[in-house]
């Protein structure tokens, strides 16, 4: 969708939902204040006997051993006073109308990547049974996508989401292969690039390429919500949270690919903003041929992580061997 069309739609949406803004903002403010007070009381009653265990990537269900003192997080837990803009209030209101629950809200500027990673791993252990938890950064793009996706379906939200859940999945390997071939055609059509040596580079000495042992978070004033999505399969979060389009795969393609990577590697989508998607995998892929195949798929999935990032697929494969997080960004 062009920037012009997106802006036009955004203006229309602003007019049509403006009446909801004061209601959503007032509701959220009251909800956050109430929960903050409850959270303080809970922390005073909780002892320090419980120790955290690392999250095990696998079927996105309830924790292996839930603590008896833990309760499902049905309302936002807030670290500090935060300002909720009208646009963010509308987005939060829509997210909750889909049936999702917001378990925690922080400001992106108030948390480091390591702190966010630790919080994600701890909170994933405490997630509601029957829900999959994913972090959602409410930047302008994602907020627009939510408004555009659901503005005309506020009265039939449940049936609209169900229609997406009932849609047949595409064959993920075919999607990834086709995207890879399209990328290759783009970069080799003028004959200026040595594809095998400059882009793929198997057998070449790897340059330094950071492994990802934590989430990546860009500094911003955006709100970051820990959202519990009411699904059993982690791949189905894309039926509730509209991510994709433009340069990236469409939402239903993301759903198919996420299901494939979960079944093959135990990878689960854990973070999304308007143009960034991240996955968590407890056990990085180690076997040489397997990690090469995965690197080629990820390059087809998101070529920017190579052409604007680690420079070659060989470098990407090397970094994946020790990475618990997979990072994708579409320019």
Protein backbone atom coordinates (compact mmCIF):
# COMPACT_ATOMS: atom_id res chain seq x y z
CA UNK A 1 0.00 0.00 0.00
CA UNK A 2 1.43 3.42 -0.92
CA UNK A 3 2.20 6.05 1.70
CA UNK A 4 -0.47 8.29 0.17
CA UNK A 5 -3.16 5.63 0.36
CA UNK A 6 -2.13 4.75 3.90
CA UNK A 7 -2.34 8.42 4.95
CA UNK A 8 -5.73 8.83 3.28
CA UNK A 9 -7.12 5.78 5.04
CA UNK A 10 -5.57 6.93 8.29
CA UNK A 11 -7.32 10.31 8.05
CA UNK A 12 -10.66 8.64 7.36
CA UNK A 13 -10.17 6.34 10.30
CA UNK A 14 -9.25 9.21 12.59
CA UNK A 15 -12.58 10.90 11.77
CA UNK A 16 -14.61 7.73 12.16
CA UNK A 17 -13.16 6.60 15.47
CA UNK A 18 -12.40 9.93 17.11
CA UNK A 19 -15.45 9.55 19.31
CA UNK A 20 -13.89 6.40 20.80
CA UNK A 21 -10.64 8.07 21.82
CA UNK A 22 -11.78 9.73 25.10
CA UNK A 23 -13.61 6.56 26.11
CA UNK A 24 -10.63 4.32 25.34
CA UNK A 25 -8.14 6.63 27.06
CA UNK A 26 -10.30 7.03 30.18
CA UNK A 27 -10.89 3.28 30.34
CA UNK A 28 -7.22 2.47 30.01
CA UNK A 29 -6.15 5.10 32.57
CA UNK A 30 -8.60 3.73 35.16
CA UNK A 31 -7.59 0.15 34.38
CA UNK A 32 -3.87 0.86 34.63
CA UNK A 33 -4.22 2.75 37.93
CA UNK A 34 -6.29 -0.01 39.48
CA UNK A 35 -3.95 -2.73 38.37
CA UNK A 36 -0.87 -0.81 39.55
CA UNK A 37 -2.32 -0.72 43.05
CA UNK A 38 -3.19 -4.42 42.90
CA UNK A 39 0.27 -5.23 41.60
CA UNK A 40 1.90 -3.49 44.57
CA UNK A 41 -0.23 -5.51 46.98
CA UNK A 42 0.65 -8.77 45.20
CA UNK A 43 4.37 -8.01 45.32
CA UNK A 44 4.19 -7.37 49.07
CA UNK A 45 2.54 -10.73 49.63
CA UNK A 46 4.86 -12.71 47.37
CA UNK A 47 7.91 -14.34 48.99
CA UNK A 48 11.30 -14.71 47.37
CA UNK A 49 11.22 -18.50 47.50
CA UNK A 50 10.19 -18.97 43.85
CA UNK A 51 13.05 -19.17 41.36
CA UNK A 52 12.66 -18.57 37.64
CA UNK A 53 13.36 -21.27 35.08
CA UNK A 54 14.37 -20.58 31.48
CA UNK A 55 11.60 -20.81 28.94
CA UNK A 56 11.57 -23.99 26.92
CA UNK A 57 10.65 -23.47 23.30
CA UNK A 58 8.08 -26.00 22.26
CA UNK A 59 4.33 -26.12 22.17
CA UNK A 60 3.12 -22.71 23.31
CA UNK A 61 1.01 -23.96 26.18
CA UNK A 62 1.05 -23.45 29.94
CA UNK A 63 4.42 -23.62 31.80
CA UNK A 64 5.92 -27.00 32.65
CA UNK A 65 5.48 -26.37 36.36
CA UNK A 66 3.30 -23.44 37.26
CA UNK A 67 3.72 -21.92 40.70
CA UNK A 68 0.61 -22.27 42.82
CA UNK A 69 0.87 -18.64 43.90
CA UNK A 70 0.82 -17.37 40.32
CA UNK A 71 -2.42 -16.05 38.89
CA UNK A 72 -3.29 -15.48 35.25
CA UNK A 73 -2.52 -11.91 34.23
CA UNK A 74 -5.88 -10.58 33.12
CA UNK A 75 -5.08 -6.86 33.35
CA UNK A 76 -2.13 -4.67 32.44
CA UNK A 77 0.82 -4.59 34.85
CA UNK A 78 2.56 -1.24 34.62
CA UNK A 79 6.15 -0.57 35.65
CA UNK A 80 5.74 3.19 36.00
CA UNK A 81 3.50 6.08 35.07
CA UNK A 82 3.15 6.13 31.30
CA UNK A 83 1.39 8.43 28.91
CA UNK A 84 -1.14 6.87 26.58
CA UNK A 85 -1.78 8.83 23.40
CA UNK A 86 -5.16 8.82 21.71
CA UNK A 87 -3.81 6.62 18.92
CA UNK A 88 -2.26 4.13 21.36
CA UNK A 89 -5.49 4.11 23.35
CA UNK A 90 -7.48 3.23 20.22
CA UNK A 91 -5.01 0.45 19.35
CA UNK A 92 -5.15 -1.01 22.87
CA UNK A 93 -8.95 -0.86 22.79
CA UNK A 94 -9.02 -2.76 19.50
CA UNK A 95 -6.53 -5.37 20.71
CA UNK A 96 -8.73 -6.09 23.70
CA UNK A 97 -11.87 -6.20 21.55
CA UNK A 98 -10.30 -9.06 19.57
CA UNK A 99 -10.33 -11.17 22.74
CA UNK A 100 -6.64 -10.67 23.53
CA UNK A 101 -5.54 -9.72 27.05
CA UNK A 102 -2.81 -7.19 27.78
CA UNK A 103 -0.62 -8.56 30.55
CA UNK A 104 2.00 -5.82 30.85
CA UNK A 105 2.83 -2.40 29.42
CA UNK A 106 6.17 -0.59 29.41
CA UNK A 107 7.65 2.37 27.56
CA UNK A 108 10.37 1.35 25.09
CA UNK A 109 12.67 4.07 26.41
CA UNK A 110 12.39 2.77 29.97
CA UNK A 111 13.76 -0.73 29.45
CA UNK A 112 17.02 -2.15 28.07
CA UNK A 113 17.24 -5.05 25.64
CA UNK A 114 18.62 -7.36 28.35
CA UNK A 115 15.90 -6.32 30.80
CA UNK A 116 13.25 -6.87 28.13
CA UNK A 117 14.65 -10.31 27.32
CA UNK A 118 14.66 -11.35 30.99
CA UNK A 119 11.14 -10.00 31.42
CA UNK A 120 9.93 -11.85 28.34
CA UNK A 121 11.38 -15.17 29.51
CA UNK A 122 9.94 -14.76 33.02
CA UNK A 123 6.52 -13.63 31.87
CA UNK A 124 6.27 -16.37 29.25
CA UNK A 125 6.44 -18.87 32.11
CA UNK A 126 3.51 -17.10 33.76
CA UNK A 127 1.24 -16.74 30.75
CA UNK A 128 -2.42 -17.67 30.85
CA UNK A 129 -3.21 -21.27 29.87
CA UNK A 130 -4.82 -21.25 26.43
CA UNK A 131 -3.01 -18.09 25.39
CA UNK A 132 0.23 -17.32 23.54
CA UNK A 133 2.15 -14.24 24.68
CA UNK A 134 3.76 -11.87 22.19
CA UNK A 135 5.25 -8.39 22.64
CA UNK A 136 3.66 -5.69 20.48
CA UNK A 137 5.31 -2.31 19.98
CA UNK A 138 2.62 0.24 19.19
CA UNK A 139 4.49 2.27 16.58
CA UNK A 140 2.67 4.29 13.91
CA UNK A 141 2.67 1.48 11.33
CA UNK A 142 1.29 -1.23 13.59
CA UNK A 143 -1.28 1.13 15.07
CA UNK A 144 -2.44 2.06 11.56
CA UNK A 145 -2.60 -1.61 10.58
CA UNK A 146 -4.82 -2.40 13.57
CA UNK A 147 -7.18 0.48 12.78
CA UNK A 148 -7.34 -0.37 9.08
CA UNK A 149 -7.83 -4.10 9.73
CA UNK A 150 -10.61 -3.81 12.30
CA UNK A 151 -12.28 -0.40 11.87
CA UNK A 152 -15.06 -1.93 9.76
CA UNK A 153 -15.36 -5.09 11.87
CA UNK A 154 -15.97 -3.75 15.38
CA UNK A 155 -19.48 -5.22 15.29
CA UNK A 156 -18.49 -8.65 13.90
CA UNK A 157 -15.00 -9.01 15.38
CA UNK A 158 -15.36 -12.63 16.45
CA UNK A 159 -16.65 -13.93 13.12
CA UNK A 160 -14.08 -11.89 11.19
CA UNK A 161 -11.19 -13.38 13.18
CA UNK A 162 -12.72 -16.84 12.90
CA UNK A 163 -12.77 -16.52 9.12
CA UNK A 164 -9.02 -15.91 9.19
CA UNK A 165 -8.45 -18.86 11.51
CA UNK A 166 -10.48 -21.06 9.14
CA UNK A 167 -8.49 -20.00 6.08
CA UNK A 168 -6.34 -22.83 4.68
CA UNK A 169 -2.60 -22.59 5.29
CA UNK A 170 -0.26 -22.25 2.35
CA UNK A 171 2.79 -24.46 1.89
CA UNK A 172 5.50 -22.59 3.79
CA UNK A 173 8.50 -24.05 1.97
CA UNK A 174 7.04 -22.96 -1.36
CA UNK A 175 6.48 -19.42 -0.08
CA UNK A 176 10.10 -19.22 1.13
CA UNK A 177 11.50 -20.74 -2.06
CA UNK A 178 9.53 -18.37 -4.30
CA UNK A 179 10.64 -15.34 -2.30
CA UNK A 180 14.26 -16.53 -2.51
CA UNK A 181 14.05 -16.88 -6.30
CA UNK A 182 12.45 -13.45 -6.64
CA UNK A 183 15.24 -11.92 -4.55
CA UNK A 184 17.88 -13.67 -6.64
CA UNK A 185 16.31 -12.36 -9.84
CA UNK A 186 16.28 -8.83 -8.43
CA UNK A 187 19.96 -8.88 -7.55
CA UNK A 188 21.30 -10.72 -10.59
CA UNK A 189 19.20 -9.32 -13.44
CA UNK A 190 21.71 -6.60 -14.35
CA UNK A 191 24.75 -8.88 -14.05
CA UNK A 192 26.64 -6.59 -11.68
CA UNK A 193 26.58 -8.93 -8.67
CA UNK A 194 28.38 -12.26 -8.24
CA UNK A 195 25.52 -14.02 -6.49
CA UNK A 196 27.43 -17.11 -5.34
CA UNK A 197 30.48 -15.27 -3.99
CA UNK A 198 29.09 -11.92 -2.92
CA UNK A 199 25.66 -12.84 -1.54
CA UNK A 200 25.69 -16.55 -0.66
CA UNK A 201 29.45 -16.96 -0.05
CA UNK A 202 29.50 -20.59 1.09
CA UNK A 203 33.05 -21.56 1.98
CA UNK A 204 34.22 -17.97 2.38
CA UNK A 205 35.64 -16.92 5.70
CA UNK A 206 32.86 -15.49 7.82
CA UNK A 207 33.01 -11.88 8.87
CA UNK A 208 32.11 -10.90 12.39
CA UNK A 209 28.34 -11.12 12.70
CA UNK A 210 26.63 -10.71 16.06
CA UNK A 211 24.75 -13.63 17.53
CA UNK A 212 21.41 -12.70 19.06
CA UNK A 213 21.09 -13.80 22.66
CA UNK A 214 18.59 -11.06 23.47
CA UNK A 215 15.76 -9.19 21.82
CA UNK A 216 16.51 -6.10 19.75
CA UNK A 217 14.64 -2.95 20.70
CA UNK A 218 15.06 0.41 18.99
CA UNK A 219 14.89 3.50 21.24
CA UNK A 220 11.50 5.18 21.00
CA UNK A 221 8.66 6.64 23.04
CA UNK A 222 6.32 3.89 21.85
CA UNK A 223 4.39 1.70 24.24
CA UNK A 224 5.32 -1.98 24.35
CA UNK A 225 2.47 -4.31 25.29
CA UNK A 226 2.76 -7.93 26.37
CA UNK A 227 -0.31 -9.35 24.64
CA UNK A 228 -1.89 -12.71 25.46
CA UNK A 229 -3.50 -13.99 22.27
CA UNK A 230 -6.30 -16.59 22.78
CA UNK A 231 -4.84 -19.36 20.61
CA UNK A 232 -3.21 -22.74 21.18
CA UNK A 233 -0.85 -22.49 18.21
CA UNK A 234 1.68 -19.64 18.23
CA UNK A 235 1.36 -19.24 14.46
CA UNK A 236 -2.28 -18.18 14.85
CA UNK A 237 -1.30 -14.88 16.51
CA UNK A 238 -1.16 -13.45 12.97
CA UNK A 239 -4.94 -13.93 12.70
CA UNK A 240 -5.36 -11.46 15.57
CA UNK A 241 -2.40 -9.11 15.12
CA UNK A 242 -2.16 -7.89 11.50
CA UNK A 243 1.53 -8.00 10.63
CA UNK A 244 2.78 -8.13 7.06
CA UNK A 245 2.31 -6.80 3.58
CA UNK A 246 4.35 -4.41 1.44
CA UNK A 247 7.87 -5.88 1.28
CA UNK A 248 7.21 -8.61 3.84
CA UNK A 249 4.97 -11.67 3.43
CA UNK A 250 1.24 -11.22 3.94
CA UNK A 251 -0.22 -12.06 7.39
CA UNK A 252 -1.49 -15.47 6.30
CA UNK A 253 1.92 -16.25 4.79
CA UNK A 254 3.51 -15.31 8.10
CA UNK A 255 1.11 -17.70 9.76
CA UNK A 256 2.13 -20.58 7.47
CA UNK A 257 5.85 -19.89 7.87
CA UNK A 258 5.58 -19.53 11.66
CA UNK A 259 3.81 -22.90 11.89
CA UNK A 260 6.52 -24.53 9.75
CA UNK A 261 9.38 -23.05 11.79
CA UNK A 262 7.67 -24.00 15.05
CA UNK A 263 7.25 -27.61 14.01
CA UNK A 264 10.81 -27.83 12.65
CA UNK A 265 12.79 -25.73 15.13
CA UNK A 266 10.47 -24.90 18.04
CA UNK A 267 10.59 -21.22 17.06
CA UNK A 268 7.79 -18.95 18.26
CA UNK A 269 7.01 -15.35 17.24
CA UNK A 270 7.74 -13.22 20.29
CA UNK A 271 7.90 -9.58 19.13
CA UNK A 272 6.36 -7.43 16.44
CA UNK A 273 6.23 -3.76 15.55
CA UNK A 274 5.16 -2.24 12.26
CA UNK A 275 8.21 -3.50 10.35
CA UNK A 276 10.10 -5.79 12.76
CA UNK A 277 9.34 -9.40 13.62
CA UNK A 278 11.36 -11.51 16.07
CA UNK A 279 11.24 -15.20 16.97
CA UNK A 280 12.49 -17.04 20.06
CA UNK A 281 14.04 -20.50 19.90
CA UNK A 282 15.47 -22.17 23.00
CA UNK A 283 17.88 -24.44 21.15
CA UNK A 284 19.71 -22.78 18.23
CA UNK A 285 20.21 -24.88 15.12
CA UNK A 286 23.72 -26.38 15.17
CA UNK A 287 24.04 -29.01 12.43
CA UNK A 288 25.95 -27.56 9.46
CA UNK A 289 23.63 -28.46 6.59
CA UNK A 290 20.52 -27.68 8.61
CA UNK A 291 21.75 -24.22 9.57
CA UNK A 292 22.67 -23.49 5.93
CA UNK A 293 19.16 -24.45 4.82
CA UNK A 294 17.65 -22.25 7.53
CA UNK A 295 19.86 -19.29 6.56
CA UNK A 296 18.72 -19.58 2.93
CA UNK A 297 15.08 -19.66 4.05
CA UNK A 298 15.53 -16.64 6.29
CA UNK A 299 17.21 -14.76 3.44
CA UNK A 300 14.21 -15.51 1.22
CA UNK A 301 11.89 -14.54 4.05
CA UNK A 302 13.65 -11.21 4.68
CA UNK A 303 16.54 -10.29 2.37
CA UNK A 304 17.22 -7.03 4.25
CA UNK A 305 18.83 -8.91 7.16
CA UNK A 306 21.61 -9.89 4.72
CA UNK A 307 21.80 -7.10 2.14
CA UNK A 308 21.46 -4.39 4.78
CA UNK A 309 22.82 -6.40 7.67
CA UNK A 310 25.31 -9.26 7.91
CA UNK A 311 26.24 -8.98 4.18
CA UNK A 312 26.26 -12.69 3.22
CA UNK A 313 24.14 -15.77 3.84
CA UNK A 314 27.32 -17.47 5.10
CA UNK A 315 27.62 -14.84 7.84
CA UNK A 316 23.94 -15.27 8.70
CA UNK A 317 24.35 -19.04 9.04
CA UNK A 318 27.33 -18.57 11.34
CA UNK A 319 25.38 -16.22 13.61
CA UNK A 320 22.34 -18.53 13.75
CA UNK A 321 24.35 -21.32 15.39
CA UNK A 322 24.38 -19.46 18.70
CA UNK A 323 21.32 -17.22 18.41
CA UNK A 324 18.26 -17.75 20.60
CA UNK A 325 16.46 -14.94 18.80
CA UNK A 326 15.83 -14.44 15.09
CA UNK A 327 15.45 -10.87 13.89
CA UNK A 328 13.68 -9.73 10.71
CA UNK A 329 13.24 -6.20 9.47
CA UNK A 330 11.67 -4.99 6.22
CA UNK A 331 12.79 -1.62 4.92
